[in-house]
Amino acid sequence: MPFQRLGDTDNTTGVGLGLALSRGLTEAMGGSLEPEETPGGGLTMIISLPAVAEADQAAAGQRERDETAGAH
């Protein structure tokens, strides 16, 4: 069974879509979802998302200031 939790013996709950949805949303934002072994057993999923460049943030901030100034 895909995406089964460690020690989960109840196969009647959930539909196993959590990981697939996480991956889809992460990739839609330009990121990645990678598995990593967890010390002591199990699996940890690492989400990596791209950072917004400082120039993009400054431009967005200026647009917000311009829009706010125009609203008054």
PDB file of N, CA and C in Angstrom:
ATOM      1  N   MET A   1       0.851  -1.179   0.000  1.00  0.00           N
ATOM      2  CA  MET A   1       0.000   0.000   0.000  1.00  0.00           C
ATOM      3  C   MET A   1       0.896   1.242   0.000  1.00  0.00           C
ATOM      4  N   PRO A   2       0.724   2.154  -0.933  1.00  0.00           N
ATOM      5  CA  PRO A   2       1.547   3.366  -0.966  1.00  0.00           C
ATOM      6  C   PRO A   2       1.179   4.331   0.150  1.00  0.00           C
ATOM      7  N   PHE A   3       2.164   5.074   0.642  1.00  0.00           N
ATOM      8  CA  PHE A   3       1.985   6.144   1.622  1.00  0.00           C
ATOM      9  C   PHE A   3       1.439   5.660   2.955  1.00  0.00           C
ATOM     10  N   GLN A   4       1.781   4.439   3.342  1.00  0.00           N
ATOM     11  CA  GLN A   4       1.313   3.924   4.625  1.00  0.00           C
ATOM     12  C   GLN A   4       2.189   4.462   5.742  1.00  0.00           C
ATOM     13  N   ARG A   5       1.573   4.856   6.850  1.00  0.00           N
ATOM     14  CA  ARG A   5       2.304   5.351   8.005  1.00  0.00           C
ATOM     15  C   ARG A   5       2.880   4.185   8.788  1.00  0.00           C
ATOM     16  N   LEU A   6       4.030   4.409   9.417  1.00  0.00           N
ATOM     17  CA  LEU A   6       4.686   3.398  10.235  1.00  0.00           C
ATOM     18  C   LEU A   6       3.740   2.937  11.341  1.00  0.00           C
ATOM     19  N   GLY A   7       3.531   1.649  11.438  1.00  0.00           N
ATOM     20  CA  GLY A   7       2.677   1.085  12.473  1.00  0.00           C
ATOM     21  C   GLY A   7       1.190   1.213  12.198  1.00  0.00           C
ATOM     22  N   ASP A   8       0.816   1.698  11.045  1.00  0.00           N
ATOM     23  CA  ASP A   8      -0.595   1.876  10.702  1.00  0.00           C
ATOM     24  C   ASP A   8      -1.139   0.546  10.197  1.00  0.00           C
ATOM     25  N   THR A   9      -2.003  -0.066  10.992  1.00  0.00           N
ATOM     26  CA  THR A   9      -2.579  -1.347  10.580  1.00  0.00           C
ATOM     27  C   THR A   9      -4.020  -1.198  10.131  1.00  0.00           C
ATOM     28  N   ASP A  10      -4.584   0.013  10.306  1.00  0.00           N
ATOM     29  CA  ASP A  10      -5.966   0.261   9.900  1.00  0.00           C
ATOM     30  C   ASP A  10      -5.983   0.728   8.451  1.00  0.00           C
ATOM     31  N   ASN A  11      -6.304  -0.165   7.548  1.00  0.00           N
ATOM     32  CA  ASN A  11      -6.327   0.159   6.120  1.00  0.00           C
ATOM     33  C   ASN A  11      -7.674   0.706   5.663  1.00  0.00           C
ATOM     34  N   THR A  12      -8.581   0.983   6.606  1.00  0.00           N
ATOM     35  CA  THR A  12      -9.914   1.439   6.224  1.00  0.00           C
ATOM     36  C   THR A  12     -10.057   2.951   6.275  1.00  0.00           C
ATOM     37  N   THR A  13      -9.075   3.660   6.826  1.00  0.00           N
ATOM     38  CA  THR A  13      -9.176   5.120   6.907  1.00  0.00           C
ATOM     39  C   THR A  13      -8.208   5.758   5.939  1.00  0.00           C
ATOM     40  N   GLY A  14      -8.578   6.926   5.439  1.00  0.00           N
ATOM     41  CA  GLY A  14      -7.711   7.653   4.525  1.00  0.00           C
ATOM     42  C   GLY A  14      -7.733   7.050   3.136  1.00  0.00           C
ATOM     43  N   VAL A  15      -7.316   7.865   2.171  1.00  0.00           N
ATOM     44  CA  VAL A  15      -7.267   7.384   0.789  1.00  0.00           C
ATOM     45  C   VAL A  15      -5.855   7.421   0.221  1.00  0.00           C
ATOM     46  N   GLY A  16      -4.879   7.826   1.037  1.00  0.00           N
ATOM     47  CA  GLY A  16      -3.489   7.816   0.585  1.00  0.00           C
ATOM     48  C   GLY A  16      -3.132   8.928  -0.368  1.00  0.00           C
ATOM     49  N   LEU A  17      -3.832  10.054  -0.309  1.00  0.00           N
ATOM     50  CA  LEU A  17      -3.568  11.151  -1.244  1.00  0.00           C
ATOM     51  C   LEU A  17      -2.686  12.257  -0.667  1.00  0.00           C
ATOM     52  N   GLY A  18      -2.410  12.228   0.624  1.00  0.00           N
ATOM     53  CA  GLY A  18      -1.664  13.304   1.267  1.00  0.00           C
ATOM     54  C   GLY A  18      -0.325  13.588   0.615  1.00  0.00           C
ATOM     55  N   LEU A  19       0.465  12.569   0.385  1.00  0.00           N
ATOM     56  CA  LEU A  19       1.784  12.756  -0.208  1.00  0.00           C
ATOM     57  C   LEU A  19       1.675  13.203  -1.662  1.00  0.00           C
ATOM     58  N   ALA A  20       0.733  12.634  -2.395  1.00  0.00           N
ATOM     59  CA  ALA A  20       0.549  13.030  -3.795  1.00  0.00           C
ATOM     60  C   ALA A  20       0.117  14.496  -3.890  1.00  0.00           C
ATOM     61  N   LEU A  21      -0.783  14.918  -3.018  1.00  0.00           N
ATOM     62  CA  LEU A  21      -1.203  16.322  -3.014  1.00  0.00           C
ATOM     63  C   LEU A  21      -0.057  17.237  -2.609  1.00  0.00           C
ATOM     64  N   SER A  22       0.702  16.830  -1.608  1.00  0.00           N
ATOM     65  CA  SER A  22       1.853  17.627  -1.174  1.00  0.00           C
ATOM     66  C   SER A  22       2.846  17.815  -2.311  1.00  0.00           C
ATOM     67  N   ARG A  23       3.108  16.741  -3.017  1.00  0.00           N
ATOM     68  CA  ARG A  23       4.054  16.824  -4.140  1.00  0.00           C
ATOM     69  C   ARG A  23       3.506  17.735  -5.240  1.00  0.00           C
ATOM     70  N   GLY A  24       2.239  17.585  -5.584  1.00  0.00           N
ATOM     71  CA  GLY A  24       1.644  18.406  -6.629  1.00  0.00           C
ATOM     72  C   GLY A  24       1.671  19.888  -6.289  1.00  0.00           C
ATOM     73  N   LEU A  25       1.290  20.221  -5.059  1.00  0.00           N
ATOM     74  CA  LEU A  25       1.296  21.623  -4.639  1.00  0.00           C
ATOM     75  C   LEU A  25       2.717  22.189  -4.592  1.00  0.00           C
ATOM     76  N   THR A  26       3.651  21.401  -4.073  1.00  0.00           N
ATOM     77  CA  THR A  26       5.036  21.841  -3.998  1.00  0.00           C
ATOM     78  C   THR A  26       5.601  22.102  -5.387  1.00  0.00           C
ATOM     79  N   GLU A  27       5.368  21.180  -6.307  1.00  0.00           N
ATOM     80  CA  GLU A  27       5.879  21.347  -7.673  1.00  0.00           C
ATOM     81  C   GLU A  27       5.188  22.510  -8.390  1.00  0.00           C
ATOM     82  N   ALA A  28       3.921  22.759  -8.084  1.00  0.00           N
ATOM     83  CA  ALA A  28       3.208  23.887  -8.692  1.00  0.00           C
ATOM     84  C   ALA A  28       3.828  25.217  -8.276  1.00  0.00           C
ATOM     85  N   MET A  29       4.460  25.241  -7.118  1.00  0.00           N
ATOM     86  CA  MET A  29       5.131  26.455  -6.644  1.00  0.00           C
ATOM     87  C   MET A  29       6.603  26.485  -7.032  1.00  0.00           C
ATOM     88  N   GLY A  30       7.006  25.561  -7.905  1.00  0.00           N
ATOM     89  CA  GLY A  30       8.391  25.541  -8.368  1.00  0.00           C
ATOM     90  C   GLY A  30       9.355  24.860  -7.423  1.00  0.00           C
ATOM     91  N   GLY A  31       8.838  24.088  -6.497  1.00  0.00           N
ATOM     92  CA  GLY A  31       9.688  23.433  -5.508  1.00  0.00           C
ATOM     93  C   GLY A  31       9.821  21.945  -5.753  1.00  0.00           C
ATOM     94  N   SER A  32      10.368  21.277  -4.753  1.00  0.00           N
ATOM     95  CA  SER A  32      10.540  19.828  -4.844  1.00  0.00           C
ATOM     96  C   SER A  32      10.241  19.201  -3.492  1.00  0.00           C
ATOM     97  N   LEU A  33       9.877  17.937  -3.525  1.00  0.00           N
ATOM     98  CA  LEU A  33       9.582  17.147  -2.333  1.00  0.00           C
ATOM     99  C   LEU A  33      10.454  15.900  -2.420  1.00  0.00           C
ATOM    100  N   GLU A  34      11.396  15.773  -1.482  1.00  0.00           N
ATOM    101  CA  GLU A  34      12.364  14.682  -1.539  1.00  0.00           C
ATOM    102  C   GLU A  34      12.317  13.846  -0.260  1.00  0.00           C
ATOM    103  N   PRO A  35      12.412  12.519  -0.399  1.00  0.00           N
ATOM    104  CA  PRO A  35      12.442  11.659   0.793  1.00  0.00           C
ATOM    105  C   PRO A  35      13.831  11.636   1.417  1.00  0.00           C
ATOM    106  N   GLU A  36      13.864  11.487   2.729  1.00  0.00           N
ATOM    107  CA  GLU A  36      15.125  11.376   3.464  1.00  0.00           C
ATOM    108  C   GLU A  36      14.909  10.384   4.600  1.00  0.00           C
ATOM    109  N   GLU A  37      15.853   9.489   4.787  1.00  0.00           N
ATOM    110  CA  GLU A  37      15.717   8.512   5.874  1.00  0.00           C
ATOM    111  C   GLU A  37      15.707   9.227   7.215  1.00  0.00           C
ATOM    112  N   THR A  38      14.854   8.764   8.108  1.00  0.00           N
ATOM    113  CA  THR A  38      14.774   9.313   9.450  1.00  0.00           C
ATOM    114  C   THR A  38      15.594   8.423  10.372  1.00  0.00           C
ATOM    115  N   PRO A  39      16.495   9.027  11.171  1.00  0.00           N
ATOM    116  CA  PRO A  39      17.264   8.218  12.116  1.00  0.00           C
ATOM    117  C   PRO A  39      16.321   7.426  13.030  1.00  0.00           C
ATOM    118  N   GLY A  40      16.566   6.159  13.173  1.00  0.00           N
ATOM    119  CA  GLY A  40      15.727   5.305  13.998  1.00  0.00           C
ATOM    120  C   GLY A  40      14.606   4.643  13.215  1.00  0.00           C
ATOM    121  N   GLY A  41      14.527   4.925  11.919  1.00  0.00           N
ATOM    122  CA  GLY A  41      13.503   4.309  11.083  1.00  0.00           C
ATOM    123  C   GLY A  41      12.479   5.308  10.598  1.00  0.00           C
ATOM    124  N   GLY A  42      11.847   4.966   9.534  1.00  0.00           N
ATOM    125  CA  GLY A  42      10.824   5.839   8.964  1.00  0.00           C
ATOM    126  C   GLY A  42      11.377   6.700   7.845  1.00  0.00           C
ATOM    127  N   LEU A  43      10.615   7.693   7.477  1.00  0.00           N
ATOM    128  CA  LEU A  43      10.948   8.528   6.343  1.00  0.00           C
ATOM    129  C   LEU A  43      10.511   9.959   6.634  1.00  0.00           C
ATOM    130  N   THR A  44      11.351  10.903   6.281  1.00  0.00           N
ATOM    131  CA  THR A  44      11.029  12.324   6.399  1.00  0.00           C
ATOM    132  C   THR A  44      10.976  12.889   4.999  1.00  0.00           C
ATOM    133  N   MET A  45       9.953  13.689   4.719  1.00  0.00           N
ATOM    134  CA  MET A  45       9.845  14.336   3.414  1.00  0.00           C
ATOM    135  C   MET A  45      10.327  15.778   3.556  1.00  0.00           C
ATOM    136  N   ILE A  46      11.272  16.170   2.702  1.00  0.00           N
ATOM    137  CA  ILE A  46      11.860  17.503   2.729  1.00  0.00           C
ATOM    138  C   ILE A  46      11.253  18.332   1.603  1.00  0.00           C
ATOM    139  N   ILE A  47      10.635  19.450   1.953  1.00  0.00           N
ATOM    140  CA  ILE A  47      10.061  20.366   0.962  1.00  0.00           C
ATOM    141  C   ILE A  47      11.046  21.499   0.745  1.00  0.00           C
ATOM    142  N   SER A  48      11.389  21.750  -0.510  1.00  0.00           N
ATOM    143  CA  SER A  48      12.256  22.868  -0.883  1.00  0.00           C
ATOM    144  C   SER A  48      11.479  23.771  -1.828  1.00  0.00           C
ATOM    145  N   LEU A  49      11.415  25.056  -1.478  1.00  0.00           N
ATOM    146  CA  LEU A  49      10.726  26.035  -2.309  1.00  0.00           C
ATOM    147  C   LEU A  49      11.705  27.140  -2.683  1.00  0.00           C
ATOM    148  N   PRO A  50      11.580  27.678  -3.894  1.00  0.00           N
ATOM    149  CA  PRO A  50      12.488  28.754  -4.294  1.00  0.00           C
ATOM    150  C   PRO A  50      12.188  30.029  -3.502  1.00  0.00           C
ATOM    151  N   ALA A  51      13.233  30.763  -3.179  1.00  0.00           N
ATOM    152  CA  ALA A  51      13.080  32.045  -2.489  1.00  0.00           C
ATOM    153  C   ALA A  51      12.829  33.138  -3.517  1.00  0.00           C
ATOM    154  N   VAL A  52      12.129  34.159  -3.104  1.00  0.00           N
ATOM    155  CA  VAL A  52      11.895  35.311  -3.967  1.00  0.00           C
ATOM    156  C   VAL A  52      13.147  36.178  -3.928  1.00  0.00           C
ATOM    157  N   ALA A  53      13.626  36.567  -5.087  1.00  0.00           N
ATOM    158  CA  ALA A  53      14.819  37.411  -5.153  1.00  0.00           C
ATOM    159  C   ALA A  53      14.536  38.760  -4.487  1.00  0.00           C
ATOM    160  N   GLU A  54      15.565  39.365  -3.885  1.00  0.00           N
ATOM    161  CA  GLU A  54      15.389  40.638  -3.193  1.00  0.00           C
ATOM    162  C   GLU A  54      14.854  41.713  -4.135  1.00  0.00           C
ATOM    163  N   ALA A  55      15.300  41.738  -5.365  1.00  0.00           N
ATOM    164  CA  ALA A  55      14.822  42.742  -6.322  1.00  0.00           C
ATOM    165  C   ALA A  55      13.326  42.563  -6.568  1.00  0.00           C
ATOM    166  N   ASP A  56      12.862  41.323  -6.636  1.00  0.00           N
ATOM    167  CA  ASP A  56      11.438  41.063  -6.821  1.00  0.00           C
ATOM    168  C   ASP A  56      10.646  41.532  -5.605  1.00  0.00           C
ATOM    169  N   GLN A  57      11.184  41.308  -4.407  1.00  0.00           N
ATOM    170  CA  GLN A  57      10.509  41.738  -3.192  1.00  0.00           C
ATOM    171  C   GLN A  57      10.431  43.260  -3.137  1.00  0.00           C
ATOM    172  N   ALA A  58      11.517  43.941  -3.504  1.00  0.00           N
ATOM    173  CA  ALA A  58      11.529  45.403  -3.485  1.00  0.00           C
ATOM    174  C   ALA A  58      10.514  45.952  -4.482  1.00  0.00           C
ATOM    175  N   ALA A  59      10.427  45.354  -5.656  1.00  0.00           N
ATOM    176  CA  ALA A  59       9.475  45.805  -6.669  1.00  0.00           C
ATOM    177  C   ALA A  59       8.039  45.585  -6.184  1.00  0.00           C
ATOM    178  N   ALA A  60       7.790  44.456  -5.542  1.00  0.00           N
ATOM    179  CA  ALA A  60       6.453  44.178  -5.023  1.00  0.00           C
ATOM    180  C   ALA A  60       6.097  45.172  -3.928  1.00  0.00           C
ATOM    181  N   GLY A  61       7.044  45.484  -3.068  1.00  0.00           N
ATOM    182  CA  GLY A  61       6.819  46.462  -2.014  1.00  0.00           C
ATOM    183  C   GLY A  61       6.512  47.835  -2.590  1.00  0.00           C
ATOM    184  N   GLN A  62       7.220  48.219  -3.646  1.00  0.00           N
ATOM    185  CA  GLN A  62       6.971  49.515  -4.278  1.00  0.00           C
ATOM    186  C   GLN A  62       5.586  49.547  -4.908  1.00  0.00           C
ATOM    187  N   ARG A  63       5.178  48.456  -5.551  1.00  0.00           N
ATOM    188  CA  ARG A  63       3.837  48.408  -6.146  1.00  0.00           C
ATOM    189  C   ARG A  63       2.762  48.567  -5.069  1.00  0.00           C
ATOM    190  N   GLU A  64       2.980  47.900  -3.907  1.00  0.00           N
ATOM    191  CA  GLU A  64       2.013  48.012  -2.816  1.00  0.00           C
ATOM    192  C   GLU A  64       1.941  49.446  -2.314  1.00  0.00           C
ATOM    193  N   ARG A  65       3.092  50.112  -2.187  1.00  0.00           N
ATOM    194  CA  ARG A  65       3.097  51.504  -1.735  1.00  0.00           C
ATOM    195  C   ARG A  65       2.401  52.397  -2.749  1.00  0.00           C
ATOM    196  N   ASP A  66       2.630  52.156  -4.042  1.00  0.00           N
ATOM    197  CA  ASP A  66       1.996  52.944  -5.084  1.00  0.00           C
ATOM    198  C   ASP A  66       0.474  52.754  -5.051  1.00  0.00           C
ATOM    199  N   GLU A  67       0.029  51.496  -4.886  1.00  0.00           N
ATOM    200  CA  GLU A  67      -1.402  51.215  -4.854  1.00  0.00           C
ATOM    201  C   GLU A  67      -2.053  51.840  -3.629  1.00  0.00           C
ATOM    202  N   THR A  68      -1.366  51.799  -2.496  1.00  0.00           N
ATOM    203  CA  THR A  68      -1.890  52.377  -1.283  1.00  0.00           C
ATOM    204  C   THR A  68      -1.991  53.893  -1.407  1.00  0.00           C
ATOM    205  N   ALA A  69      -0.974  54.521  -1.977  1.00  0.00           N
ATOM    206  CA  ALA A  69      -0.975  55.963  -2.157  1.00  0.00           C
ATOM    207  C   ALA A  69      -2.098  56.392  -3.110  1.00  0.00           C
ATOM    208  N   GLY A  70      -2.379  55.596  -4.102  1.00  0.00           N
ATOM    209  CA  GLY A  70      -3.435  55.917  -5.066  1.00  0.00           C
ATOM    210  C   GLY A  70      -4.826  55.712  -4.501  1.00  0.00           C
ATOM    211  N   ALA A  71      -4.936  54.944  -3.432  1.00  0.00           N
ATOM    212  CA  ALA A  71      -6.253  54.644  -2.862  1.00  0.00           C
ATOM    213  C   ALA A  71      -6.753  55.750  -1.953  1.00  0.00           C
ATOM    214  N   HIS A  72      -5.872  56.658  -1.537  1.00  0.00           N
ATOM    215  CA  HIS A  72      -6.271  57.727  -0.606  1.00  0.00           C
ATOM    216  C   HIS A  72      -6.719  58.958  -1.322  1.00  0.00           C
TER     217      HIS A  72
END
